Amino acid sequence: MTKLLATTAALALMAGGAAHAQEADWSGLYVGAHAGFTSNDSSDDETLGFDTNLDGVFTDTVRTAAGANAFSPGFCGGAATSSLPGSGCKEDDEGFEFGARLGYDWQFGGFVMGPVVELSRTNVKDSVAGFSTTPAQYTFERKLKGLAALRLRGGYAFGDNLLYATGGVAQGDVQHSFTTTNTANTFVQRGDDTATGYQFGGGYERKLTPDVTLGLEYLYTNLDDDDFVVRSQGPAAANNPFLLVNASGTDLRRSEDELKFHSFRITASYRF
């Protein structure tokens, strides 16, 4: 898919270069669209964190009545395929991204600078699973459904070409889910679906006509996503590992509190 996007864009850019060779003006308002794919940047070594005494600190070890580590089978980056760690986990696939943008540029000689606001639709997915000795699996999954960003971009124009760097703030709509094969306890989920963070990257843009541009863009996005928590409660017996320390239960969360991903895009804009 990467090669297809790059080849398509390169052919169009070369065609535009032959048709439009005069000096270009990059100042003014523009609207545009982008489409491409995303790649998850989360760690394969992610685990789950536990708060057995409900003090808000997720560094506890869940232990059985005999004192053994109830999660000694371990963890994996991805969604569990069964209750046994030996069956492995399903890795998160690459996703897609598309959206629209509105921006304004000022040009000072060869230097071009201006703000851009952007709305995107994505399907970035990030999963992690833990396994208990019961045996049972516990999978946390988050999906980024939408993303809004406000960035500043600045670069250098040489004729019909523009090379730029960009960076700013971003806010995402994150959908959380939790699944488990544990039937002894009940699980209550809580948390916010909004995650905020930052973006940075760069790109190349070329004028095909005085008003139409086509380009390539890369962005790295990092969103803080640390407030989704699952509480394991009864009706299990009092010697249940999740109830041993505190009868009200144990809180679970994923150890990685950031959603990070790469975006590779083709961009198209119309300048007024």
C-alpha atoms as a PDB file:
ATOM      1  CA  MET A   1       0.000   0.000   0.000  1.00  0.00           C
ATOM      2  CA  THR A   2       2.904   2.366   0.777  1.00  0.00           C
ATOM      3  CA  LYS A   3       4.391   1.854  -2.691  1.00  0.00           C
ATOM      4  CA  LEU A   4       1.012   2.431  -4.375  1.00  0.00           C
ATOM      5  CA  LEU A   5       0.477   5.750  -2.567  1.00  0.00           C
ATOM      6  CA  ALA A   6       3.993   6.950  -3.299  1.00  0.00           C
ATOM      7  CA  THR A   7       3.866   5.961  -6.987  1.00  0.00           C
ATOM      8  CA  THR A   8       0.478   7.603  -7.554  1.00  0.00           C
ATOM      9  CA  ALA A   9       1.582  10.839  -5.953  1.00  0.00           C
ATOM     10  CA  ALA A  10       4.928  10.906  -7.767  1.00  0.00           C
ATOM     11  CA  LEU A  11       3.321  10.520 -11.202  1.00  0.00           C
ATOM     12  CA  ALA A  12       0.831  13.289 -10.521  1.00  0.00           C
ATOM     13  CA  LEU A  13       3.525  15.611  -9.188  1.00  0.00           C
ATOM     14  CA  MET A  14       5.734  15.096 -12.240  1.00  0.00           C
ATOM     15  CA  ALA A  15       2.810  15.737 -14.556  1.00  0.00           C
ATOM     16  CA  GLY A  16       1.988  18.936 -12.725  1.00  0.00           C
ATOM     17  CA  GLY A  17       5.572  20.108 -12.911  1.00  0.00           C
ATOM     18  CA  ALA A  18       5.579  19.912 -16.699  1.00  0.00           C
ATOM     19  CA  ALA A  19       2.316  21.829 -16.972  1.00  0.00           C
ATOM     20  CA  HIS A  20       3.118  24.645 -14.541  1.00  0.00           C
ATOM     21  CA  ALA A  21       6.643  26.023 -14.448  1.00  0.00           C
ATOM     22  CA  GLN A  22       6.087  29.704 -13.532  1.00  0.00           C
ATOM     23  CA  GLU A  23       6.984  31.187 -10.152  1.00  0.00           C
ATOM     24  CA  ALA A  24       4.302  30.325  -7.592  1.00  0.00           C
ATOM     25  CA  ASP A  25       2.560  32.395  -4.926  1.00  0.00           C
ATOM     26  CA  TRP A  26       1.895  30.329  -1.781  1.00  0.00           C
ATOM     27  CA  SER A  27       0.114  32.991   0.272  1.00  0.00           C
ATOM     28  CA  GLY A  28      -3.596  32.925   1.060  1.00  0.00           C
ATOM     29  CA  LEU A  29      -6.451  30.688   2.154  1.00  0.00           C
ATOM     30  CA  TYR A  30      -6.714  27.041   1.134  1.00  0.00           C
ATOM     31  CA  VAL A  31      -8.973  24.038   1.712  1.00  0.00           C
ATOM     32  CA  GLY A  32      -7.898  20.469   1.245  1.00  0.00           C
ATOM     33  CA  ALA A  33      -8.278  16.774   1.870  1.00  0.00           C
ATOM     34  CA  HIS A  34      -5.970  13.942   2.826  1.00  0.00           C
ATOM     35  CA  ALA A  35      -6.033  10.147   2.736  1.00  0.00           C
ATOM     36  CA  GLY A  36      -3.578   7.452   3.682  1.00  0.00           C
ATOM     37  CA  PHE A  37      -2.767   4.796   6.234  1.00  0.00           C
ATOM     38  CA  THR A  38      -1.669   4.654   9.863  1.00  0.00           C
ATOM     39  CA  SER A  39       0.777   2.436  11.730  1.00  0.00           C
ATOM     40  CA  ASN A  40       0.557   1.810  15.479  1.00  0.00           C
ATOM     41  CA  ASP A  41       3.653   2.775  17.494  1.00  0.00           C
ATOM     42  CA  SER A  42       2.708   1.081  20.786  1.00  0.00           C
ATOM     43  CA  SER A  43       5.142  -1.203  22.616  1.00  0.00           C
ATOM     44  CA  ASP A  44       4.994  -4.992  22.232  1.00  0.00           C
ATOM     45  CA  ASP A  45       6.161  -5.198  25.862  1.00  0.00           C
ATOM     46  CA  GLU A  46       3.070  -3.537  27.324  1.00  0.00           C
ATOM     47  CA  THR A  47       1.484  -5.156  30.397  1.00  0.00           C
ATOM     48  CA  LEU A  48      -1.470  -4.548  32.713  1.00  0.00           C
ATOM     49  CA  GLY A  49      -1.305  -2.579  35.952  1.00  0.00           C
ATOM     50  CA  PHE A  50      -3.197  -3.557  39.111  1.00  0.00           C
ATOM     51  CA  ASP A  51      -4.400  -1.579  42.131  1.00  0.00           C
ATOM     52  CA  THR A  52      -5.444  -4.198  44.694  1.00  0.00           C
ATOM     53  CA  ASN A  53      -5.941  -1.827  47.649  1.00  0.00           C
ATOM     54  CA  LEU A  54      -7.684   0.885  45.575  1.00  0.00           C
ATOM     55  CA  ASP A  55      -5.242   3.644  46.512  1.00  0.00           C
ATOM     56  CA  GLY A  56      -4.874   4.848  42.919  1.00  0.00           C
ATOM     57  CA  VAL A  57      -1.402   3.343  42.426  1.00  0.00           C
ATOM     58  CA  PHE A  58      -1.231   0.586  39.794  1.00  0.00           C
ATOM     59  CA  THR A  59       1.938  -1.203  40.908  1.00  0.00           C
ATOM     60  CA  ASP A  60       0.445  -4.066  42.935  1.00  0.00           C
ATOM     61  CA  THR A  61       0.713  -7.793  42.244  1.00  0.00           C
ATOM     62  CA  VAL A  62      -2.518  -9.782  42.191  1.00  0.00           C
ATOM     63  CA  ARG A  63      -1.905 -12.883  44.291  1.00  0.00           C
ATOM     64  CA  THR A  64      -3.804 -16.090  44.915  1.00  0.00           C
ATOM     65  CA  ALA A  65      -4.822 -17.216  48.418  1.00  0.00           C
ATOM     66  CA  ALA A  66      -1.587 -19.254  48.469  1.00  0.00           C
ATOM     67  CA  GLY A  67       0.496 -16.139  47.704  1.00  0.00           C
ATOM     68  CA  ALA A  68       1.388 -16.962  44.093  1.00  0.00           C
ATOM     69  CA  ASN A  69       1.301 -14.366  41.306  1.00  0.00           C
ATOM     70  CA  ALA A  70      -2.132 -14.798  39.719  1.00  0.00           C
ATOM     71  CA  PHE A  71      -0.855 -13.302  36.435  1.00  0.00           C
ATOM     72  CA  SER A  72       2.345 -15.329  36.189  1.00  0.00           C
ATOM     73  CA  PRO A  73       1.400 -16.604  32.677  1.00  0.00           C
ATOM     74  CA  GLY A  74       2.224 -13.095  31.459  1.00  0.00           C
ATOM     75  CA  PHE A  75       1.066 -10.492  28.961  1.00  0.00           C
ATOM     76  CA  CYS A  76       1.220  -9.774  25.246  1.00  0.00           C
ATOM     77  CA  GLY A  77       0.858  -6.808  22.918  1.00  0.00           C
ATOM     78  CA  GLY A  78      -2.339  -7.469  20.987  1.00  0.00           C
ATOM     79  CA  ALA A  79      -5.741  -9.081  21.532  1.00  0.00           C
ATOM     80  CA  ALA A  80      -5.851 -12.522  23.163  1.00  0.00           C
ATOM     81  CA  THR A  81      -7.145 -15.338  20.959  1.00  0.00           C
ATOM     82  CA  SER A  82      -7.953 -17.680  23.872  1.00  0.00           C
ATOM     83  CA  SER A  83      -7.590 -18.026  27.652  1.00  0.00           C
ATOM     84  CA  LEU A  84      -4.141 -19.596  27.244  1.00  0.00           C
ATOM     85  CA  PRO A  85      -1.052 -17.475  26.494  1.00  0.00           C
ATOM     86  CA  GLY A  86       0.395 -20.246  24.363  1.00  0.00           C
ATOM     87  CA  SER A  87      -2.200 -19.549  21.673  1.00  0.00           C
ATOM     88  CA  GLY A  88      -0.692 -16.106  21.149  1.00  0.00           C
ATOM     89  CA  CYS A  89      -2.259 -12.727  20.487  1.00  0.00           C
ATOM     90  CA  LYS A  90      -3.579 -11.056  17.352  1.00  0.00           C
ATOM     91  CA  GLU A  91      -1.414  -8.098  16.401  1.00  0.00           C
ATOM     92  CA  ASP A  92      -3.031  -4.753  15.664  1.00  0.00           C
ATOM     93  CA  ASP A  93      -3.340  -4.169  11.922  1.00  0.00           C
ATOM     94  CA  GLU A  94      -2.456  -1.008  10.029  1.00  0.00           C
ATOM     95  CA  GLY A  95      -5.391   1.369   9.727  1.00  0.00           C
ATOM     96  CA  PHE A  96      -6.673   4.006   7.332  1.00  0.00           C
ATOM     97  CA  GLU A  97      -7.145   7.736   7.689  1.00  0.00           C
ATOM     98  CA  PHE A  98      -8.946  10.410   5.676  1.00  0.00           C
ATOM     99  CA  GLY A  99     -10.150  13.922   6.360  1.00  0.00           C
ATOM    100  CA  ALA A 100     -10.319  17.603   5.494  1.00  0.00           C
ATOM    101  CA  ARG A 101      -8.297  20.687   6.345  1.00  0.00           C
ATOM    102  CA  LEU A 102      -8.479  24.469   6.249  1.00  0.00           C
ATOM    103  CA  GLY A 103      -5.408  26.665   6.376  1.00  0.00           C
ATOM    104  CA  TYR A 104      -3.839  30.016   5.624  1.00  0.00           C
ATOM    105  CA  ASP A 105      -0.282  30.773   4.543  1.00  0.00           C
ATOM    106  CA  TRP A 106       1.850  33.904   4.548  1.00  0.00           C
ATOM    107  CA  GLN A 107       4.874  34.105   2.263  1.00  0.00           C
ATOM    108  CA  PHE A 108       8.012  36.111   3.061  1.00  0.00           C
ATOM    109  CA  GLY A 109      10.359  35.658   0.153  1.00  0.00           C
ATOM    110  CA  GLY A 110      10.992  31.934   0.042  1.00  0.00           C
ATOM    111  CA  PHE A 111       9.670  31.293   3.544  1.00  0.00           C
ATOM    112  CA  VAL A 112       6.045  30.144   3.933  1.00  0.00           C
ATOM    113  CA  MET A 113       4.263  29.926   7.286  1.00  0.00           C
ATOM    114  CA  GLY A 114       0.701  29.560   8.548  1.00  0.00           C
ATOM    115  CA  PRO A 115      -1.849  27.674  10.655  1.00  0.00           C
ATOM    116  CA  VAL A 116      -3.890  24.666   9.569  1.00  0.00           C
ATOM    117  CA  VAL A 117      -6.900  23.080  11.258  1.00  0.00           C
ATOM    118  CA  GLU A 118      -7.777  19.506  10.402  1.00  0.00           C
ATOM    119  CA  LEU A 119     -10.472  16.895  11.022  1.00  0.00           C
ATOM    120  CA  SER A 120      -9.755  13.212  10.361  1.00  0.00           C
ATOM    121  CA  ARG A 121     -11.572   9.907  10.463  1.00  0.00           C
ATOM    122  CA  THR A 122      -9.377   6.968  11.477  1.00  0.00           C
ATOM    123  CA  ASN A 123      -9.498   3.364  12.679  1.00  0.00           C
ATOM    124  CA  VAL A 124      -6.254   3.178  14.667  1.00  0.00           C
ATOM    125  CA  LYS A 125      -6.429   0.181  17.029  1.00  0.00           C
ATOM    126  CA  ASP A 126      -4.210  -0.659  20.021  1.00  0.00           C
ATOM    127  CA  SER A 127      -4.659  -3.785  22.187  1.00  0.00           C
ATOM    128  CA  VAL A 128      -2.952  -5.506  25.122  1.00  0.00           C
ATOM    129  CA  ALA A 129      -3.850  -8.717  26.968  1.00  0.00           C
ATOM    130  CA  GLY A 130      -3.040 -10.379  30.282  1.00  0.00           C
ATOM    131  CA  PHE A 131      -3.424 -14.018  31.328  1.00  0.00           C
ATOM    132  CA  SER A 132      -4.256 -15.392  34.775  1.00  0.00           C
ATOM    133  CA  THR A 133      -3.605 -18.866  36.168  1.00  0.00           C
ATOM    134  CA  THR A 134      -7.353 -19.652  36.263  1.00  0.00           C
ATOM    135  CA  PRO A 135      -6.882 -19.753  33.193  1.00  0.00           C
ATOM    136  CA  ALA A 136      -8.505 -16.601  31.791  1.00  0.00           C
ATOM    137  CA  GLN A 137      -7.636 -13.736  29.463  1.00  0.00           C
ATOM    138  CA  TYR A 138      -8.163  -9.997  29.984  1.00  0.00           C
ATOM    139  CA  THR A 139      -7.955  -7.808  26.863  1.00  0.00           C
ATOM    140  CA  PHE A 140      -7.966  -4.007  26.716  1.00  0.00           C
ATOM    141  CA  GLU A 141      -8.572  -2.410  23.318  1.00  0.00           C
ATOM    142  CA  ARG A 142      -8.754   1.217  22.234  1.00  0.00           C
ATOM    143  CA  LYS A 143      -9.788   2.536  18.838  1.00  0.00           C
ATOM    144  CA  LEU A 144      -9.238   6.066  17.628  1.00  0.00           C
ATOM    145  CA  LYS A 145     -12.391   6.957  15.700  1.00  0.00           C
ATOM    146  CA  GLY A 146     -11.832  10.657  15.022  1.00  0.00           C
ATOM    147  CA  LEU A 147      -9.087  13.244  15.383  1.00  0.00           C
ATOM    148  CA  ALA A 148      -8.994  17.060  15.387  1.00  0.00           C
ATOM    149  CA  ALA A 149      -5.726  18.965  15.116  1.00  0.00           C
ATOM    150  CA  LEU A 150      -4.494  22.546  15.079  1.00  0.00           C
ATOM    151  CA  ARG A 151      -0.956  22.910  13.782  1.00  0.00           C
ATOM    152  CA  LEU A 152       1.488  25.530  12.595  1.00  0.00           C
ATOM    153  CA  ARG A 153       3.478  24.706   9.528  1.00  0.00           C
ATOM    154  CA  GLY A 154       6.473  26.465   8.094  1.00  0.00           C
ATOM    155  CA  GLY A 155       8.748  25.741   5.204  1.00  0.00           C
ATOM    156  CA  TYR A 156      10.638  26.892   2.159  1.00  0.00           C
ATOM    157  CA  ALA A 157       9.156  27.377  -1.297  1.00  0.00           C
ATOM    158  CA  PHE A 158      11.212  27.043  -4.445  1.00  0.00           C
ATOM    159  CA  GLY A 159       9.022  27.749  -7.427  1.00  0.00           C
ATOM    160  CA  ASP A 160       6.093  25.364  -7.514  1.00  0.00           C
ATOM    161  CA  ASN A 161       7.527  23.242  -4.702  1.00  0.00           C
ATOM    162  CA  LEU A 162       7.090  23.585  -0.942  1.00  0.00           C
ATOM    163  CA  LEU A 163       8.965  21.645   1.722  1.00  0.00           C
ATOM    164  CA  TYR A 164       7.636  22.136   5.242  1.00  0.00           C
ATOM    165  CA  ALA A 165       7.662  21.019   8.856  1.00  0.00           C
ATOM    166  CA  THR A 166       4.526  21.066  10.989  1.00  0.00           C
ATOM    167  CA  GLY A 167       3.520  20.629  14.613  1.00  0.00           C
ATOM    168  CA  GLY A 168       0.722  21.383  17.044  1.00  0.00           C
ATOM    169  CA  VAL A 169      -1.985  20.019  19.316  1.00  0.00           C
ATOM    170  CA  ALA A 170      -4.431  17.184  18.695  1.00  0.00           C
ATOM    171  CA  GLN A 171      -7.555  15.759  20.332  1.00  0.00           C
ATOM    172  CA  GLY A 172      -8.980  12.326  19.628  1.00  0.00           C
ATOM    173  CA  ASP A 173     -12.214  10.427  20.153  1.00  0.00           C
ATOM    174  CA  VAL A 174     -11.039   7.115  21.639  1.00  0.00           C
ATOM    175  CA  GLN A 175     -13.402   4.147  21.993  1.00  0.00           C
ATOM    176  CA  HIS A 176     -12.392   1.753  24.797  1.00  0.00           C
ATOM    177  CA  SER A 177     -13.424  -1.843  25.324  1.00  0.00           C
ATOM    178  CA  PHE A 178     -12.572  -4.650  27.737  1.00  0.00           C
ATOM    179  CA  THR A 179     -13.177  -8.376  27.286  1.00  0.00           C
ATOM    180  CA  THR A 180     -12.409 -11.337  29.528  1.00  0.00           C
ATOM    181  CA  THR A 181     -13.137 -15.037  29.875  1.00  0.00           C
ATOM    182  CA  ASN A 182     -13.273 -14.688  33.679  1.00  0.00           C
ATOM    183  CA  THR A 183     -16.827 -15.610  34.743  1.00  0.00           C
ATOM    184  CA  ALA A 184     -16.241 -15.579  38.509  1.00  0.00           C
ATOM    185  CA  ASN A 185     -16.064 -11.783  38.811  1.00  0.00           C
ATOM    186  CA  THR A 186     -18.024  -8.864  37.414  1.00  0.00           C
ATOM    187  CA  PHE A 187     -16.177  -6.006  35.708  1.00  0.00           C
ATOM    188  CA  VAL A 188     -17.189  -2.347  35.704  1.00  0.00           C
ATOM    189  CA  GLN A 189     -15.615   0.009  33.154  1.00  0.00           C
ATOM    190  CA  ARG A 190     -15.104   3.742  33.583  1.00  0.00           C
ATOM    191  CA  GLY A 191     -13.191   6.464  31.776  1.00  0.00           C
ATOM    192  CA  ASP A 192     -13.285   9.355  29.324  1.00  0.00           C
ATOM    193  CA  ASP A 193     -13.390   8.913  25.544  1.00  0.00           C
ATOM    194  CA  THR A 194     -11.432  12.122  24.865  1.00  0.00           C
ATOM    195  CA  ALA A 195      -7.634  12.052  24.591  1.00  0.00           C
ATOM    196  CA  THR A 196      -5.407  15.076  23.974  1.00  0.00           C
ATOM    197  CA  GLY A 197      -1.811  15.338  22.857  1.00  0.00           C
ATOM    198  CA  TYR A 198       0.417  16.573  20.061  1.00  0.00           C
ATOM    199  CA  GLN A 199       1.410  16.021  16.427  1.00  0.00           C
ATOM    200  CA  PHE A 200       4.534  16.788  14.440  1.00  0.00           C
ATOM    201  CA  GLY A 201       5.896  15.881  11.045  1.00  0.00           C
ATOM    202  CA  GLY A 202       6.605  17.267   7.627  1.00  0.00           C
ATOM    203  CA  GLY A 203       5.673  17.150   4.001  1.00  0.00           C
ATOM    204  CA  TYR A 204       6.137  18.134   0.393  1.00  0.00           C
ATOM    205  CA  GLU A 205       3.609  19.993  -1.726  1.00  0.00           C
ATOM    206  CA  ARG A 206       3.628  20.903  -5.410  1.00  0.00           C
ATOM    207  CA  LYS A 207       1.423  23.197  -7.442  1.00  0.00           C
ATOM    208  CA  LEU A 208      -0.224  21.425 -10.369  1.00  0.00           C
ATOM    209  CA  THR A 209      -1.945  24.679 -11.386  1.00  0.00           C
ATOM    210  CA  PRO A 210      -1.873  28.124  -9.750  1.00  0.00           C
ATOM    211  CA  ASP A 211      -4.720  26.990  -7.474  1.00  0.00           C
ATOM    212  CA  VAL A 212      -4.387  23.197  -7.101  1.00  0.00           C
ATOM    213  CA  THR A 213      -1.669  21.394  -5.144  1.00  0.00           C
ATOM    214  CA  LEU A 214      -0.837  17.761  -4.486  1.00  0.00           C
ATOM    215  CA  GLY A 215       1.532  16.504  -1.821  1.00  0.00           C
ATOM    216  CA  LEU A 216       2.880  13.868   0.527  1.00  0.00           C
ATOM    217  CA  GLU A 217       2.821  14.196   4.307  1.00  0.00           C
ATOM    218  CA  TYR A 218       4.042  12.305   7.365  1.00  0.00           C
ATOM    219  CA  LEU A 219       2.732  12.903  10.906  1.00  0.00           C
ATOM    220  CA  TYR A 220       3.524  11.401  14.289  1.00  0.00           C
ATOM    221  CA  THR A 221       0.685  11.617  16.829  1.00  0.00           C
ATOM    222  CA  ASN A 222       0.897  11.084  20.594  1.00  0.00           C
ATOM    223  CA  LEU A 223      -2.295  11.221  22.683  1.00  0.00           C
ATOM    224  CA  ASP A 224      -2.533  10.943  26.481  1.00  0.00           C
ATOM    225  CA  ASP A 225      -5.032   8.171  27.240  1.00  0.00           C
ATOM    226  CA  ASP A 226      -4.636   7.209  30.882  1.00  0.00           C
ATOM    227  CA  ASP A 227      -8.056   7.307  32.543  1.00  0.00           C
ATOM    228  CA  PHE A 228      -9.771   4.107  31.340  1.00  0.00           C
ATOM    229  CA  VAL A 229     -10.017   1.746  34.323  1.00  0.00           C
ATOM    230  CA  VAL A 230     -11.806  -1.573  34.889  1.00  0.00           C
ATOM    231  CA  ARG A 231     -12.808  -2.688  38.389  1.00  0.00           C
ATOM    232  CA  SER A 232     -13.062  -6.392  39.144  1.00  0.00           C
ATOM    233  CA  GLN A 233     -15.700  -7.083  41.821  1.00  0.00           C
ATOM    234  CA  GLY A 234     -17.737 -10.011  43.217  1.00  0.00           C
ATOM    235  CA  PRO A 235     -19.754 -12.213  43.334  1.00  0.00           C
ATOM    236  CA  ALA A 236     -16.663 -14.405  43.697  1.00  0.00           C
ATOM    237  CA  ALA A 237     -15.699 -15.729  47.130  1.00  0.00           C
ATOM    238  CA  ALA A 238     -13.669 -13.606  49.546  1.00  0.00           C
ATOM    239  CA  ASN A 239     -10.487 -15.567  48.747  1.00  0.00           C
ATOM    240  CA  ASN A 240     -10.702 -14.585  45.071  1.00  0.00           C
ATOM    241  CA  PRO A 241      -7.398 -12.932  44.025  1.00  0.00           C
ATOM    242  CA  PHE A 242      -9.189  -9.722  43.029  1.00  0.00           C
ATOM    243  CA  LEU A 243     -10.906  -9.492  46.460  1.00  0.00           C
ATOM    244  CA  LEU A 244      -8.182 -10.652  48.852  1.00  0.00           C
ATOM    245  CA  VAL A 245      -6.705  -7.230  49.633  1.00  0.00           C
ATOM    246  CA  ASN A 246      -9.868  -5.133  49.392  1.00  0.00           C
ATOM    247  CA  ALA A 247     -13.366  -6.606  49.434  1.00  0.00           C
ATOM    248  CA  SER A 248     -14.489  -3.819  47.063  1.00  0.00           C
ATOM    249  CA  GLY A 249     -12.327  -5.301  44.314  1.00  0.00           C
ATOM    250  CA  THR A 250      -9.228  -4.557  42.244  1.00  0.00           C
ATOM    251  CA  ASP A 251      -8.737  -1.886  39.581  1.00  0.00           C
ATOM    252  CA  LEU A 252      -7.064  -2.870  36.301  1.00  0.00           C
ATOM    253  CA  ARG A 253      -5.610  -0.668  33.576  1.00  0.00           C
ATOM    254  CA  ARG A 254      -3.097  -0.931  30.780  1.00  0.00           C
ATOM    255  CA  SER A 255       0.488   0.087  31.545  1.00  0.00           C
ATOM    256  CA  GLU A 256       0.891   2.261  28.436  1.00  0.00           C
ATOM    257  CA  ASP A 257      -0.966   5.548  28.922  1.00  0.00           C
ATOM    258  CA  GLU A 258      -0.245   6.996  25.469  1.00  0.00           C
ATOM    259  CA  LEU A 259      -1.768   6.180  22.094  1.00  0.00           C
ATOM    260  CA  LYS A 260       0.971   6.700  19.504  1.00  0.00           C
ATOM    261  CA  PHE A 261       0.883   6.196  15.752  1.00  0.00           C
ATOM    262  CA  HIS A 262       2.394   7.223  12.412  1.00  0.00           C
ATOM    263  CA  SER A 263       0.377   8.632   9.498  1.00  0.00           C
ATOM    264  CA  PHE A 264       1.436   8.499   5.828  1.00  0.00           C
ATOM    265  CA  ARG A 265      -0.771  10.579   3.546  1.00  0.00           C
ATOM    266  CA  ILE A 266      -1.467  11.984   0.125  1.00  0.00           C
ATOM    267  CA  THR A 267      -2.774  15.553   0.336  1.00  0.00           C
ATOM    268  CA  ALA A 268      -4.690  17.712  -2.140  1.00  0.00           C
ATOM    269  CA  SER A 269      -5.586  21.392  -1.720  1.00  0.00           C
ATOM    270  CA  TYR A 270      -7.314  24.233  -3.525  1.00  0.00           C
ATOM    271  CA  ARG A 271      -5.969  27.742  -2.954  1.00  0.00           C
ATOM    272  CA  PHE A 272      -8.057  30.883  -3.223  1.00  0.00           C
END
